N, C-alpha and C. Protein backbone atom coordinates (compact mmCIF):
# COMPACT_ATOMS: atom_id res chain seq x y z
N UNK A 1 -4.30 4.92 -2.43
CA UNK A 1 -3.97 5.47 -3.71
C UNK A 1 -2.69 6.30 -3.59
N UNK A 2 -1.91 6.25 -4.65
CA UNK A 2 -0.72 7.08 -4.64
C UNK A 2 -1.06 8.46 -5.23
N UNK A 3 -0.04 9.29 -5.40
CA UNK A 3 -0.26 10.65 -5.88
C UNK A 3 -0.74 10.71 -7.32
N UNK A 4 -0.65 9.61 -8.06
CA UNK A 4 -1.12 9.56 -9.45
C UNK A 4 -2.52 8.98 -9.56
N UNK A 5 -3.12 8.63 -8.42
CA UNK A 5 -4.45 8.04 -8.45
C UNK A 5 -4.44 6.55 -8.66
N UNK A 6 -3.26 5.94 -8.58
CA UNK A 6 -3.13 4.49 -8.74
C UNK A 6 -3.29 3.83 -7.38
N UNK A 7 -3.91 2.66 -7.37
CA UNK A 7 -4.05 1.91 -6.12
C UNK A 7 -2.73 1.26 -5.77
N UNK A 8 -2.42 1.21 -4.48
CA UNK A 8 -1.23 0.50 -4.02
C UNK A 8 -1.68 -0.61 -3.08
N UNK A 9 -0.88 -1.67 -3.03
CA UNK A 9 -1.17 -2.80 -2.16
C UNK A 9 -0.36 -2.64 -0.89
N UNK A 10 -1.00 -2.76 0.24
CA UNK A 10 -0.32 -2.71 1.53
C UNK A 10 -0.51 -4.06 2.19
N UNK A 11 0.62 -4.72 2.46
CA UNK A 11 0.55 -6.05 3.07
C UNK A 11 0.11 -5.93 4.53
N UNK A 12 -0.26 -7.05 5.09
CA UNK A 12 -0.68 -7.08 6.49
C UNK A 12 0.47 -6.64 7.40
N UNK A 13 1.69 -7.06 7.09
CA UNK A 13 2.84 -6.67 7.90
C UNK A 13 3.07 -5.16 7.84
N UNK A 14 2.92 -4.58 6.65
CA UNK A 14 3.09 -3.13 6.50
C UNK A 14 2.00 -2.38 7.26
N UNK A 15 0.78 -2.88 7.20
CA UNK A 15 -0.32 -2.25 7.92
C UNK A 15 -0.09 -2.33 9.43
N UNK A 16 0.44 -3.44 9.89
CA UNK A 16 0.77 -3.57 11.32
C UNK A 16 1.85 -2.58 11.72
N UNK A 17 2.84 -2.37 10.85
CA UNK A 17 3.91 -1.41 11.15
C UNK A 17 3.34 0.00 11.27
N UNK A 18 2.42 0.36 10.39
CA UNK A 18 1.78 1.67 10.46
C UNK A 18 0.98 1.79 11.76
N UNK A 19 0.21 0.77 12.10
CA UNK A 19 -0.59 0.79 13.32
C UNK A 19 0.29 0.89 14.56
N UNK A 20 1.40 0.15 14.58
CA UNK A 20 2.32 0.21 15.72
C UNK A 20 2.92 1.60 15.86
N UNK A 21 3.26 2.23 14.74
CA UNK A 21 3.82 3.58 14.76
C UNK A 21 2.81 4.57 15.35
N UNK A 22 1.57 4.46 14.92
CA UNK A 22 0.53 5.36 15.42
C UNK A 22 0.31 5.14 16.91
N UNK A 23 0.34 3.90 17.36
CA UNK A 23 0.19 3.61 18.80
C UNK A 23 1.34 4.22 19.60
N UNK A 24 2.57 4.12 19.07
CA UNK A 24 3.73 4.67 19.76
C UNK A 24 3.70 6.19 19.82
N UNK A 25 3.34 6.82 18.70
CA UNK A 25 3.39 8.28 18.61
C UNK A 25 2.16 8.97 19.16
N UNK A 26 1.06 8.26 19.23
CA UNK A 26 -0.19 8.89 19.64
C UNK A 26 -0.84 9.57 18.44
N UNK A 27 -1.30 10.79 18.63
CA UNK A 27 -1.92 11.51 17.52
C UNK A 27 -0.88 11.82 16.45
N UNK A 28 -1.23 11.48 15.22
CA UNK A 28 -0.33 11.71 14.09
C UNK A 28 -1.15 12.33 12.97
N UNK A 29 -0.65 13.44 12.42
CA UNK A 29 -1.37 14.06 11.31
C UNK A 29 -1.20 13.22 10.04
N UNK A 30 -2.12 13.38 9.12
CA UNK A 30 -2.04 12.65 7.86
C UNK A 30 -0.76 13.03 7.12
N UNK A 31 -0.40 14.30 7.12
CA UNK A 31 0.81 14.73 6.41
C UNK A 31 2.06 14.12 7.04
N UNK A 32 2.10 14.04 8.36
CA UNK A 32 3.25 13.42 9.04
C UNK A 32 3.31 11.93 8.71
N UNK A 33 2.17 11.27 8.75
CA UNK A 33 2.12 9.84 8.44
C UNK A 33 2.53 9.59 6.99
N UNK A 34 2.09 10.46 6.09
CA UNK A 34 2.46 10.32 4.68
C UNK A 34 3.97 10.47 4.50
N UNK A 35 4.59 11.39 5.23
CA UNK A 35 6.03 11.58 5.09
C UNK A 35 6.82 10.40 5.66
N UNK A 36 6.25 9.70 6.61
CA UNK A 36 6.90 8.53 7.20
C UNK A 36 6.55 7.22 6.49
N UNK A 37 5.58 7.26 5.59
CA UNK A 37 5.06 6.02 5.00
C UNK A 37 6.10 5.23 4.23
N UNK A 38 7.11 5.89 3.67
CA UNK A 38 8.13 5.13 2.93
C UNK A 38 8.94 4.23 3.85
N UNK A 39 8.90 4.47 5.15
CA UNK A 39 9.58 3.59 6.10
C UNK A 39 8.78 2.32 6.35
N UNK A 40 7.48 2.38 6.10
CA UNK A 40 6.60 1.25 6.40
C UNK A 40 6.16 0.48 5.17
N UNK A 41 5.96 1.19 4.06
CA UNK A 41 5.32 0.61 2.88
C UNK A 41 6.29 0.53 1.72
N UNK A 42 6.44 -0.67 1.16
CA UNK A 42 7.31 -0.91 0.02
C UNK A 42 6.51 -0.65 -1.26
N UNK A 43 6.92 0.36 -2.03
CA UNK A 43 6.18 0.72 -3.24
C UNK A 43 6.75 0.09 -4.50
N UNK A 44 7.76 -0.77 -4.36
CA UNK A 44 8.31 -1.46 -5.52
C UNK A 44 7.33 -2.52 -6.00
N UNK A 45 7.07 -2.57 -7.31
CA UNK A 45 6.14 -3.59 -7.81
C UNK A 45 6.69 -4.99 -7.62
N UNK A 46 5.82 -5.89 -7.29
CA UNK A 46 6.19 -7.30 -7.11
C UNK A 46 5.76 -8.06 -8.35
N UNK A 47 6.63 -8.91 -8.88
CA UNK A 47 6.33 -9.65 -10.11
C UNK A 47 5.08 -10.50 -9.93
N UNK A 48 4.98 -11.23 -8.82
CA UNK A 48 3.82 -12.09 -8.58
C UNK A 48 2.54 -11.28 -8.56
N UNK A 49 2.56 -10.17 -7.86
CA UNK A 49 1.36 -9.35 -7.73
C UNK A 49 0.97 -8.75 -9.07
N UNK A 50 1.94 -8.28 -9.83
CA UNK A 50 1.64 -7.70 -11.15
C UNK A 50 1.03 -8.76 -12.05
N UNK A 51 1.56 -9.98 -12.01
CA UNK A 51 1.00 -11.06 -12.83
C UNK A 51 -0.42 -11.40 -12.38
N UNK A 52 -0.66 -11.45 -11.07
CA UNK A 52 -2.00 -11.74 -10.56
C UNK A 52 -3.00 -10.67 -10.98
N UNK A 53 -2.60 -9.42 -10.89
CA UNK A 53 -3.48 -8.32 -11.28
C UNK A 53 -3.78 -8.40 -12.77
N UNK A 54 -2.77 -8.75 -13.57
CA UNK A 54 -2.97 -8.89 -15.01
C UNK A 54 -3.99 -9.95 -15.33
N UNK A 55 -3.93 -11.08 -14.64
CA UNK A 55 -4.90 -12.16 -14.90
C UNK A 55 -6.30 -11.76 -14.45
N UNK A 56 -6.40 -11.01 -13.38
CA UNK A 56 -7.71 -10.54 -12.92
C UNK A 56 -8.30 -9.58 -13.94
N UNK A 57 -7.46 -8.68 -14.47
CA UNK A 57 -7.94 -7.73 -15.47
C UNK A 57 -8.41 -8.46 -16.72
N UNK A 58 -7.68 -9.51 -17.13
CA UNK A 58 -8.08 -10.28 -18.31
C UNK A 58 -9.43 -10.95 -18.08
N UNK A 59 -9.63 -11.52 -16.90
CA UNK A 59 -10.91 -12.17 -16.58
C UNK A 59 -12.05 -11.16 -16.58
N UNK A 60 -11.76 -9.97 -16.09
CA UNK A 60 -12.79 -8.93 -16.03
C UNK A 60 -13.21 -8.50 -17.43
N UNK A 61 -12.24 -8.37 -18.33
CA UNK A 61 -12.54 -7.96 -19.70
C UNK A 61 -13.34 -9.03 -20.42
N UNK A 62 -13.00 -10.30 -20.20
CA UNK A 62 -13.68 -11.41 -20.87
C UNK A 62 -15.11 -11.55 -20.35
N UNK A 63 -15.30 -11.35 -19.07
CA UNK A 63 -16.61 -11.58 -18.45
C UNK A 63 -17.65 -10.60 -18.87
């Protein structure tokens, strides 16, 4: 979740980058990891993902 309470999508590659960073650094505080997260995680919305989420929301409302 981001600071507004919205869910964010983290790709497998981004998750691997975070895991590799933690392995390299050893113990990392949550605040330190949060400050570095913009280096690992792309927060720009993706058109494909936004469209997919929209269709899922529509199906949920109809069901």
